[in-house]
PDB file of all heavy atoms in Angstrom:
ATOM      1  N   ASP A   1    -174.145  32.068 -43.605  1.00  0.00           N
ATOM      2  CA  ASP A   1    -174.564  33.117 -42.692  1.00  0.00           C
ATOM      3  C   ASP A   1    -174.702  32.803 -41.293  1.00  0.00           C
ATOM      4  O   ASP A   1    -174.989  33.594 -40.429  1.00  0.00           O
ATOM      5  CB  ASP A   1    -175.871  33.748 -43.312  1.00  0.00           C
ATOM      6  CG  ASP A   1    -177.023  32.629 -43.372  1.00  0.00           C
ATOM      7  OD1 ASP A   1    -176.651  31.517 -43.826  1.00  0.00           O
ATOM      8  OD2 ASP A   1    -178.163  33.000 -42.933  1.00  0.00           O
ATOM      9  N   ASP A   2    -174.554  31.464 -40.997  1.00  0.00           N
ATOM     10  CA  ASP A   2    -174.676  31.110 -39.589  1.00  0.00           C
ATOM     11  C   ASP A   2    -173.254  30.751 -39.025  1.00  0.00           C
ATOM     12  O   ASP A   2    -172.589  29.890 -39.471  1.00  0.00           O
ATOM     13  CB  ASP A   2    -175.541  29.782 -39.507  1.00  0.00           C
ATOM     14  CG  ASP A   2    -175.866  29.332 -38.095  1.00  0.00           C
ATOM     15  OD1 ASP A   2    -174.918  29.577 -37.256  1.00  0.00           O
ATOM     16  OD2 ASP A   2    -176.900  28.769 -37.905  1.00  0.00           O
ATOM     17  N   ASP A   3    -172.697  31.551 -38.131  1.00  0.00           N
ATOM     18  CA  ASP A   3    -171.446  31.434 -37.561  1.00  0.00           C
ATOM     19  C   ASP A   3    -171.235  30.126 -36.959  1.00  0.00           C
ATOM     20  O   ASP A   3    -170.084  29.599 -36.790  1.00  0.00           O
ATOM     21  CB  ASP A   3    -171.255  32.606 -36.606  1.00  0.00           C
ATOM     22  CG  ASP A   3    -171.099  34.022 -37.292  1.00  0.00           C
ATOM     23  OD1 ASP A   3    -170.860  34.022 -38.531  1.00  0.00           O
ATOM     24  OD2 ASP A   3    -171.256  35.010 -36.596  1.00  0.00           O
ATOM     25  N   THR A   4    -172.254  29.596 -36.384  1.00  0.00           N
ATOM     26  CA  THR A   4    -172.077  28.232 -35.705  1.00  0.00           C
ATOM     27  C   THR A   4    -171.618  27.119 -36.708  1.00  0.00           C
ATOM     28  O   THR A   4    -170.576  26.465 -36.399  1.00  0.00           O
ATOM     29  CB  THR A   4    -173.537  27.729 -35.089  1.00  0.00           C
ATOM     30  OG1 THR A   4    -173.925  28.641 -34.154  1.00  0.00           O
ATOM     31  CG2 THR A   4    -173.321  26.380 -34.386  1.00  0.00           C
ATOM     32  N   TYR A   5    -172.184  27.147 -37.904  1.00  0.00           N
ATOM     33  CA  TYR A   5    -171.812  26.109 -38.831  1.00  0.00           C
ATOM     34  C   TYR A   5    -170.453  26.476 -39.483  1.00  0.00           C
ATOM     35  O   TYR A   5    -169.648  25.590 -39.650  1.00  0.00           O
ATOM     36  CB  TYR A   5    -172.898  26.030 -39.927  1.00  0.00           C
ATOM     37  CG  TYR A   5    -174.118  25.369 -39.482  1.00  0.00           C
ATOM     38  CD1 TYR A   5    -175.291  26.107 -39.658  1.00  0.00           C
ATOM     39  CD2 TYR A   5    -174.221  24.131 -38.942  1.00  0.00           C
ATOM     40  CE1 TYR A   5    -176.572  25.618 -39.140  1.00  0.00           C
ATOM     41  CE2 TYR A   5    -175.430  23.569 -38.378  1.00  0.00           C
ATOM     42  CZ  TYR A   5    -176.498  24.305 -38.576  1.00  0.00           C
ATOM     43  OH  TYR A   5    -177.764  23.841 -38.053  1.00  0.00           O
ATOM     44  N   SER A   6    -170.222  27.705 -39.880  1.00  0.00           N
ATOM     45  CA  SER A   6    -168.931  28.050 -40.493  1.00  0.00           C
ATOM     46  C   SER A   6    -167.796  27.929 -39.357  1.00  0.00           C
ATOM     47  O   SER A   6    -166.737  27.410 -39.811  1.00  0.00           O
ATOM     48  CB  SER A   6    -169.000  29.437 -41.037  1.00  0.00           C
ATOM     49  OG  SER A   6    -169.270  30.453 -40.068  1.00  0.00           O
ATOM     50  N   GLY A   7    -168.053  28.287 -38.197  1.00  0.00           N
ATOM     51  CA  GLY A   7    -167.102  28.082 -37.208  1.00  0.00           C
ATOM     52  C   GLY A   7    -166.779  26.636 -36.955  1.00  0.00           C
ATOM     53  O   GLY A   7    -165.567  26.208 -36.882  1.00  0.00           O
ATOM     54  N   ALA A   8    -167.703  25.713 -37.014  1.00  0.00           N
ATOM     55  CA  ALA A   8    -167.437  24.306 -36.770  1.00  0.00           C
ATOM     56  C   ALA A   8    -166.617  23.747 -37.957  1.00  0.00           C
ATOM     57  O   ALA A   8    -165.735  22.934 -37.709  1.00  0.00           O
ATOM     58  CB  ALA A   8    -168.770  23.531 -36.657  1.00  0.00           C
ATOM     59  N   ALA A   9    -166.996  24.066 -39.169  1.00  0.00           N
ATOM     60  CA  ALA A   9    -166.219  23.764 -40.328  1.00  0.00           C
ATOM     61  C   ALA A   9    -164.791  24.305 -40.285  1.00  0.00           C
ATOM     62  O   ALA A   9    -163.958  23.462 -40.635  1.00  0.00           O
ATOM     63  CB  ALA A   9    -166.961  24.258 -41.622  1.00  0.00           C
ATOM     64  N   LYS A  10    -164.685  25.413 -39.913  1.00  0.00           N
ATOM     65  CA  LYS A  10    -163.222  25.961 -39.678  1.00  0.00           C
ATOM     66  C   LYS A  10    -162.433  25.138 -38.630  1.00  0.00           C
ATOM     67  O   LYS A  10    -161.311  24.807 -39.041  1.00  0.00           O
ATOM     68  CB  LYS A  10    -163.251  27.408 -39.313  1.00  0.00           C
ATOM     69  CG  LYS A  10    -161.894  28.078 -39.216  1.00  0.00           C
ATOM     70  CD  LYS A  10    -161.942  29.537 -38.936  1.00  0.00           C
ATOM     71  CE  LYS A  10    -160.583  30.114 -39.036  1.00  0.00           C
ATOM     72  NZ  LYS A  10    -160.473  31.588 -38.997  1.00  0.00           N
ATOM     73  N   VAL A  11    -162.986  24.943 -37.469  1.00  0.00           N
ATOM     74  CA  VAL A  11    -162.347  24.044 -36.566  1.00  0.00           C
ATOM     75  C   VAL A  11    -161.928  22.686 -37.094  1.00  0.00           C
ATOM     76  O   VAL A  11    -160.797  22.243 -36.978  1.00  0.00           O
ATOM     77  CB  VAL A  11    -163.183  23.985 -35.247  1.00  0.00           C
ATOM     78  CG1 VAL A  11    -162.553  22.916 -34.331  1.00  0.00           C
ATOM     79  CG2 VAL A  11    -163.303  25.325 -34.633  1.00  0.00           C
ATOM     80  N   ALA A  12    -162.807  22.029 -37.664  1.00  0.00           N
ATOM     81  CA  ALA A  12    -162.628  20.679 -38.247  1.00  0.00           C
ATOM     82  C   ALA A  12    -161.631  20.690 -39.383  1.00  0.00           C
ATOM     83  O   ALA A  12    -160.630  19.786 -39.346  1.00  0.00           O
ATOM     84  CB  ALA A  12    -163.936  20.064 -38.692  1.00  0.00           C
ATOM     85  N   LEU A  13    -161.712  21.603 -40.270  1.00  0.00           N
ATOM     86  CA  LEU A  13    -160.713  21.663 -41.365  1.00  0.00           C
ATOM     87  C   LEU A  13    -159.308  22.156 -40.929  1.00  0.00           C
ATOM     88  O   LEU A  13    -158.326  21.578 -41.396  1.00  0.00           O
ATOM     89  CB  LEU A  13    -161.317  22.543 -42.513  1.00  0.00           C
ATOM     90  CG  LEU A  13    -162.429  22.021 -43.242  1.00  0.00           C
ATOM     91  CD1 LEU A  13    -163.133  23.129 -43.976  1.00  0.00           C
ATOM     92  CD2 LEU A  13    -162.182  20.813 -43.995  1.00  0.00           C
ATOM     93  N   SER A  14    -159.346  23.174 -40.062  1.00  0.00           N
ATOM     94  CA  SER A  14    -158.076  23.537 -39.521  1.00  0.00           C
ATOM     95  C   SER A  14    -157.330  22.385 -38.757  1.00  0.00           C
ATOM     96  O   SER A  14    -156.110  22.253 -38.833  1.00  0.00           O
ATOM     97  CB  SER A  14    -158.197  24.789 -38.594  1.00  0.00           C
ATOM     98  OG  SER A  14    -158.741  25.831 -39.401  1.00  0.00           O
ATOM     99  N   ALA A  15    -158.075  21.617 -38.046  1.00  0.00           N
ATOM    100  CA  ALA A  15    -157.412  20.429 -37.340  1.00  0.00           C
ATOM    101  C   ALA A  15    -156.813  19.409 -38.228  1.00  0.00           C
ATOM    102  O   ALA A  15    -155.850  18.780 -37.816  1.00  0.00           O
ATOM    103  CB  ALA A  15    -158.569  19.741 -36.423  1.00  0.00           C
ATOM    104  N   GLU A  16    -157.218  19.453 -39.507  1.00  0.00           N
ATOM    105  CA  GLU A  16    -156.549  18.568 -40.525  1.00  0.00           C
ATOM    106  C   GLU A  16    -155.563  19.216 -41.192  1.00  0.00           C
ATOM    107  O   GLU A  16    -154.969  18.786 -42.285  1.00  0.00           O
ATOM    108  CB  GLU A  16    -157.724  18.023 -41.444  1.00  0.00           C
ATOM    109  CG  GLU A  16    -158.780  17.187 -40.829  1.00  0.00           C
ATOM    110  CD  GLU A  16    -158.156  15.887 -40.259  1.00  0.00           C
ATOM    111  OE1 GLU A  16    -157.289  15.315 -40.819  1.00  0.00           O
ATOM    112  OE2 GLU A  16    -158.569  15.535 -39.085  1.00  0.00           O
ATOM    113  N   GLY A  17    -155.213  20.449 -40.792  1.00  0.00           N
ATOM    114  CA  GLY A  17    -154.078  21.086 -41.402  1.00  0.00           C
ATOM    115  C   GLY A  17    -154.369  22.167 -42.549  1.00  0.00           C
ATOM    116  O   GLY A  17    -153.508  22.670 -43.184  1.00  0.00           O
ATOM    117  N   HIS A  18    -155.599  22.395 -42.757  1.00  0.00           N
ATOM    118  CA  HIS A  18    -156.006  23.251 -43.899  1.00  0.00           C
ATOM    119  C   HIS A  18    -156.114  24.725 -43.393  1.00  0.00           C
ATOM    120  O   HIS A  18    -156.425  24.936 -42.226  1.00  0.00           O
ATOM    121  CB  HIS A  18    -157.383  22.839 -44.439  1.00  0.00           C
ATOM    122  CG  HIS A  18    -157.464  21.513 -45.063  1.00  0.00           C
ATOM    123  ND1 HIS A  18    -156.925  21.273 -46.303  1.00  0.00           N
ATOM    124  CD2 HIS A  18    -157.938  20.358 -44.429  1.00  0.00           C
ATOM    125  CE1 HIS A  18    -157.051  19.923 -46.510  1.00  0.00           C
ATOM    126  NE2 HIS A  18    -157.674  19.408 -45.550  1.00  0.00           N
ATOM    127  N   SER A  19    -155.812  25.597 -44.234  1.00  0.00           N
ATOM    128  CA  SER A  19    -155.974  27.048 -44.006  1.00  0.00           C
ATOM    129  C   SER A  19    -157.410  27.396 -44.509  1.00  0.00           C
ATOM    130  O   SER A  19    -157.744  26.988 -45.553  1.00  0.00           O
ATOM    131  CB  SER A  19    -154.998  27.925 -44.834  1.00  0.00           C
ATOM    132  OG  SER A  19    -153.706  27.662 -44.508  1.00  0.00           O
ATOM    133  N   VAL A  20    -158.199  28.037 -43.451  1.00  0.00           N
ATOM    134  CA  VAL A  20    -159.672  28.278 -43.799  1.00  0.00           C
ATOM    135  C   VAL A  20    -159.995  29.726 -43.445  1.00  0.00           C
ATOM    136  O   VAL A  20    -159.465  30.261 -42.472  1.00  0.00           O
ATOM    137  CB  VAL A  20    -160.508  27.361 -42.727  1.00  0.00           C
ATOM    138  CG1 VAL A  20    -162.022  27.519 -43.017  1.00  0.00           C
ATOM    139  CG2 VAL A  20    -160.005  25.934 -43.052  1.00  0.00           C
ATOM    140  N   VAL A  21    -160.732  30.237 -44.272  1.00  0.00           N
ATOM    141  CA  VAL A  21    -161.260  31.635 -43.957  1.00  0.00           C
ATOM    142  C   VAL A  21    -162.839  31.494 -44.151  1.00  0.00           C
ATOM    143  O   VAL A  21    -163.272  30.810 -44.971  1.00  0.00           O
ATOM    144  CB  VAL A  21    -160.759  32.669 -45.041  1.00  0.00           C
ATOM    145  CG1 VAL A  21    -161.412  33.990 -44.732  1.00  0.00           C
ATOM    146  CG2 VAL A  21    -159.277  32.761 -44.997  1.00  0.00           C
ATOM    147  N   THR A  22    -163.426  32.077 -43.108  1.00  0.00           N
ATOM    148  CA  THR A  22    -164.977  32.068 -43.168  1.00  0.00           C
ATOM    149  C   THR A  22    -165.479  33.352 -43.610  1.00  0.00           C
ATOM    150  O   THR A  22    -164.930  34.452 -43.376  1.00  0.00           O
ATOM    151  CB  THR A  22    -165.506  31.678 -41.773  1.00  0.00           C
ATOM    152  OG1 THR A  22    -165.185  32.642 -40.871  1.00  0.00           O
ATOM    153  CG2 THR A  22    -165.011  30.355 -41.402  1.00  0.00           C
ATOM    154  N   PHE A  23    -166.727  33.341 -44.165  1.00  0.00           N
ATOM    155  CA  PHE A  23    -167.361  34.620 -44.694  1.00  0.00           C
ATOM    156  C   PHE A  23    -168.863  34.386 -44.311  1.00  0.00           C
ATOM    157  O   PHE A  23    -169.454  33.277 -44.461  1.00  0.00           O
ATOM    158  CB  PHE A  23    -167.302  34.739 -46.216  1.00  0.00           C
ATOM    159  CG  PHE A  23    -165.803  34.938 -46.652  1.00  0.00           C
ATOM    160  CD1 PHE A  23    -165.110  33.727 -47.055  1.00  0.00           C
ATOM    161  CD2 PHE A  23    -165.129  36.082 -46.627  1.00  0.00           C
ATOM    162  CE1 PHE A  23    -163.813  33.879 -47.513  1.00  0.00           C
ATOM    163  CE2 PHE A  23    -163.896  36.114 -47.034  1.00  0.00           C
ATOM    164  CZ  PHE A  23    -163.080  35.002 -47.508  1.00  0.00           C
ATOM    165  N   SER A  24    -169.502  35.432 -43.946  1.00  0.00           N
ATOM    166  CA  SER A  24    -170.904  35.459 -43.514  1.00  0.00           C
ATOM    167  C   SER A  24    -171.801  35.665 -44.656  1.00  0.00           C
ATOM    168  O   SER A  24    -172.978  35.482 -44.584  1.00  0.00           O
ATOM    169  CB  SER A  24    -171.177  36.411 -42.400  1.00  0.00           C
ATOM    170  OG  SER A  24    -170.940  37.762 -42.766  1.00  0.00           O
ATOM    171  N   ASP A  25    -171.225  36.076 -45.883  1.00  0.00           N
ATOM    172  CA  ASP A  25    -172.126  36.186 -47.034  1.00  0.00           C
ATOM    173  C   ASP A  25    -171.184  35.985 -48.186  1.00  0.00           C
ATOM    174  O   ASP A  25    -170.025  36.222 -48.197  1.00  0.00           O
ATOM    175  CB  ASP A  25    -172.874  37.480 -47.055  1.00  0.00           C
ATOM    176  CG  ASP A  25    -172.039  38.729 -47.176  1.00  0.00           C
ATOM    177  OD1 ASP A  25    -171.257  38.846 -48.126  1.00  0.00           O
ATOM    178  OD2 ASP A  25    -172.073  39.632 -46.373  1.00  0.00           O
ATOM    179  N   ALA A  26    -171.893  35.745 -49.370  1.00  0.00           N
ATOM    180  CA  ALA A  26    -171.205  35.397 -50.664  1.00  0.00           C
ATOM    181  C   ALA A  26    -170.424  36.642 -51.229  1.00  0.00           C
ATOM    182  O   ALA A  26    -169.291  36.411 -51.856  1.00  0.00           O
ATOM    183  CB  ALA A  26    -172.170  34.879 -51.579  1.00  0.00           C
ATOM    184  N   ARG A  27    -170.992  37.771 -51.057  1.00  0.00           N
ATOM    185  CA  ARG A  27    -170.420  38.921 -51.663  1.00  0.00           C
ATOM    186  C   ARG A  27    -168.978  39.209 -51.022  1.00  0.00           C
ATOM    187  O   ARG A  27    -167.947  39.643 -51.733  1.00  0.00           O
ATOM    188  CB  ARG A  27    -171.292  40.218 -51.490  1.00  0.00           C
ATOM    189  CG  ARG A  27    -172.503  40.017 -52.338  1.00  0.00           C
ATOM    190  CD  ARG A  27    -173.104  41.384 -52.621  1.00  0.00           C
ATOM    191  NE  ARG A  27    -174.435  41.160 -53.141  1.00  0.00           N
ATOM    192  CZ  ARG A  27    -174.753  40.777 -54.352  1.00  0.00           C
ATOM    193  NH1 ARG A  27    -173.728  40.591 -55.234  1.00  0.00           N
ATOM    194  NH2 ARG A  27    -175.919  40.576 -54.834  1.00  0.00           N
ATOM    195  N   GLN A  28    -168.827  38.990 -49.756  1.00  0.00           N
ATOM    196  CA  GLN A  28    -167.490  39.139 -48.987  1.00  0.00           C
ATOM    197  C   GLN A  28    -166.537  38.021 -49.537  1.00  0.00           C
ATOM    198  O   GLN A  28    -165.339  38.342 -49.869  1.00  0.00           O
ATOM    199  CB  GLN A  28    -167.665  38.742 -47.575  1.00  0.00           C
ATOM    200  CG  GLN A  28    -168.340  39.904 -46.737  1.00  0.00           C
ATOM    201  CD  GLN A  28    -168.598  39.412 -45.253  1.00  0.00           C
ATOM    202  OE1 GLN A  28    -168.416  38.245 -44.947  1.00  0.00           O
ATOM    203  NE2 GLN A  28    -168.891  40.351 -44.483  1.00  0.00           N
ATOM    204  N   ALA A  29    -166.965  36.871 -49.909  1.00  0.00           N
ATOM    205  CA  ALA A  29    -166.135  35.794 -50.436  1.00  0.00           C
ATOM    206  C   ALA A  29    -165.699  36.154 -51.799  1.00  0.00           C
ATOM    207  O   ALA A  29    -164.516  35.925 -52.203  1.00  0.00           O
ATOM    208  CB  ALA A  29    -166.828  34.515 -50.356  1.00  0.00           C
ATOM    209  N   LEU A  30    -166.587  36.763 -52.598  1.00  0.00           N
ATOM    210  CA  LEU A  30    -166.167  37.087 -53.954  1.00  0.00           C
ATOM    211  C   LEU A  30    -165.156  38.269 -53.913  1.00  0.00           C
ATOM    212  O   LEU A  30    -164.185  38.237 -54.718  1.00  0.00           O
ATOM    213  CB  LEU A  30    -167.477  37.725 -54.765  1.00  0.00           C
ATOM    214  CG  LEU A  30    -168.411  36.687 -55.293  1.00  0.00           C
ATOM    215  CD1 LEU A  30    -169.659  37.348 -55.887  1.00  0.00           C
ATOM    216  CD2 LEU A  30    -167.754  35.906 -56.363  1.00  0.00           C
ATOM    217  N   GLU A  31    -165.293  39.149 -52.989  1.00  0.00           N
ATOM    218  CA  GLU A  31    -164.248  40.257 -52.763  1.00  0.00           C
ATOM    219  C   GLU A  31    -162.964  39.625 -52.499  1.00  0.00           C
ATOM    220  O   GLU A  31    -161.853  39.985 -52.994  1.00  0.00           O
ATOM    221  CB  GLU A  31    -164.679  41.231 -51.831  1.00  0.00           C
ATOM    222  CG  GLU A  31    -165.712  42.240 -52.322  1.00  0.00           C
ATOM    223  CD  GLU A  31    -165.176  43.146 -53.511  1.00  0.00           C
ATOM    224  OE1 GLU A  31    -164.095  43.608 -53.278  1.00  0.00           O
ATOM    225  OE2 GLU A  31    -165.886  43.277 -54.531  1.00  0.00           O
ATOM    226  N   ALA A  32    -162.878  38.757 -51.551  1.00  0.00           N
ATOM    227  CA  ALA A  32    -161.677  38.050 -51.129  1.00  0.00           C
ATOM    228  C   ALA A  32    -160.983  37.239 -52.200  1.00  0.00           C
ATOM    229  O   ALA A  32    -159.840  37.148 -52.307  1.00  0.00           O
ATOM    230  CB  ALA A  32    -161.967  37.154 -49.880  1.00  0.00           C
ATOM    231  N   ALA A  33    -161.845  36.524 -53.056  1.00  0.00           N
ATOM    232  CA  ALA A  33    -161.314  35.806 -54.225  1.00  0.00           C
ATOM    233  C   ALA A  33    -160.623  36.588 -55.164  1.00  0.00           C
ATOM    234  O   ALA A  33    -159.792  36.155 -55.974  1.00  0.00           O
ATOM    235  CB  ALA A  33    -162.461  35.041 -54.815  1.00  0.00           C
ATOM    236  N   LEU A  34    -160.748  38.091 -55.106  1.00  0.00           N
ATOM    237  CA  LEU A  34    -159.950  38.836 -56.057  1.00  0.00           C
ATOM    238  C   LEU A  34    -158.527  38.811 -55.562  1.00  0.00           C
ATOM    239  O   LEU A  34    -157.644  39.031 -56.410  1.00  0.00           O
ATOM    240  CB  LEU A  34    -160.514  40.236 -55.938  1.00  0.00           C
ATOM    241  CG  LEU A  34    -161.879  40.569 -56.660  1.00  0.00           C
ATOM    242  CD1 LEU A  34    -162.484  41.965 -56.286  1.00  0.00           C
ATOM    243  CD2 LEU A  34    -161.773  40.382 -58.136  1.00  0.00           C
ATOM    244  N   LYS A  35    -158.342  38.640 -54.433  1.00  0.00           N
ATOM    245  CA  LYS A  35    -157.046  38.754 -53.750  1.00  0.00           C
ATOM    246  C   LYS A  35    -156.254  37.349 -53.724  1.00  0.00           C
ATOM    247  O   LYS A  35    -155.070  37.311 -53.737  1.00  0.00           O
ATOM    248  CB  LYS A  35    -156.987  39.325 -52.360  1.00  0.00           C
ATOM    249  CG  LYS A  35    -157.515  40.789 -52.325  1.00  0.00           C
ATOM    250  CD  LYS A  35    -157.598  41.274 -50.891  1.00  0.00           C
ATOM    251  CE  LYS A  35    -158.181  42.706 -50.891  1.00  0.00           C
ATOM    252  NZ  LYS A  35    -159.227  42.784 -49.973  1.00  0.00           N
TER     253      LYS A  35
END
């Protein structure tokens, strides 16, 4: 729920070549996991 932490994780993981999607809450992530 804190964009600062999720943004930092995305930058670090993306720099290592990973595809990353961030979510501000778990329900959004559950919905995305359907796809």
